[in-house]
Every structure is written in structure tokens, then in C-alpha cells.
Amino acid sequence: GAWGTSLYTPRVARSRRQAPDNMGKIGKGTGSFGKRHNKSHTMCRRCGRRSYHIQKSTCGACGYPSARKRNYNWSTKAIGRRTTGTGRMRYLKTLPRRFKNGFREGTEAVSKKRAASE
């Protein structure tokens, strides 16, 4: 029969762990990521994100060097991520308390011990 002749060569199953021969040569997938080592974006001076396009000289996140900050109403979440209250608010966080007291300055509270003894 045909089983004993040299015409039949058993097909050797390739191991699952062995990568295919074309890994990294075609397509945009996993294999191609190893070839990517040129940066199109760098750090932005205004917003600090890695969104400043070197050749275009514009930031994709904040729009620098444009005078107006980049924001669009079709992305409400993105606006909320960088609005007032997401940072330290060094000045604004004390305003409600100072407003309540009439923006008084240079005065000192009366000692409670002194008020009780009189």
C-alpha cells in the first residue's frame, strides 16, 4: 500500500509555543510593535502630557501654542478631568471660609480664658 512508500511523509505538528515565521514582518499587530522606536509626541510645556507633536509643533491635548486651551463639548468627561477642583486649588480652597468672615485680616481672636475671667 501507500503507507510503506516514500510518497507519504507525516506532517509534523508545529508546537503552539513556537511563533510563526512571519512574526513582525507584516501587519500592524503584536509583531510590528517591536519596530516602533521613533517618537512623534513629546512632553508639552503647558499641560505636561506627552501630546506635543514635534513636527506639527502643536499639543494634541491642550492646543499649545494656541492662546486658547483646547476643549470640546463632545467630550464632557475630558473637560471634567482637567477643570477647577482636580488640582490643589491653593487659592480657591480657602475662599469660602474667608468670605464667611468678611475677608478680615490682621486681627486676632479674643482668648476664651480671658473672656471667661472678666
Foldseek 3Di string as FASTA:
>chain_A
DVVPDPVDDDDDDDDPPDDDPCQLPDDDDDSVVVVDDDQQFQADPPPRDRAQGPVVRAGPQQGPPPPHGDDDPVCPVSCVCPDPPNDDPVPPVCVVVCVVVVVDPDDDDDDPVVVVVD
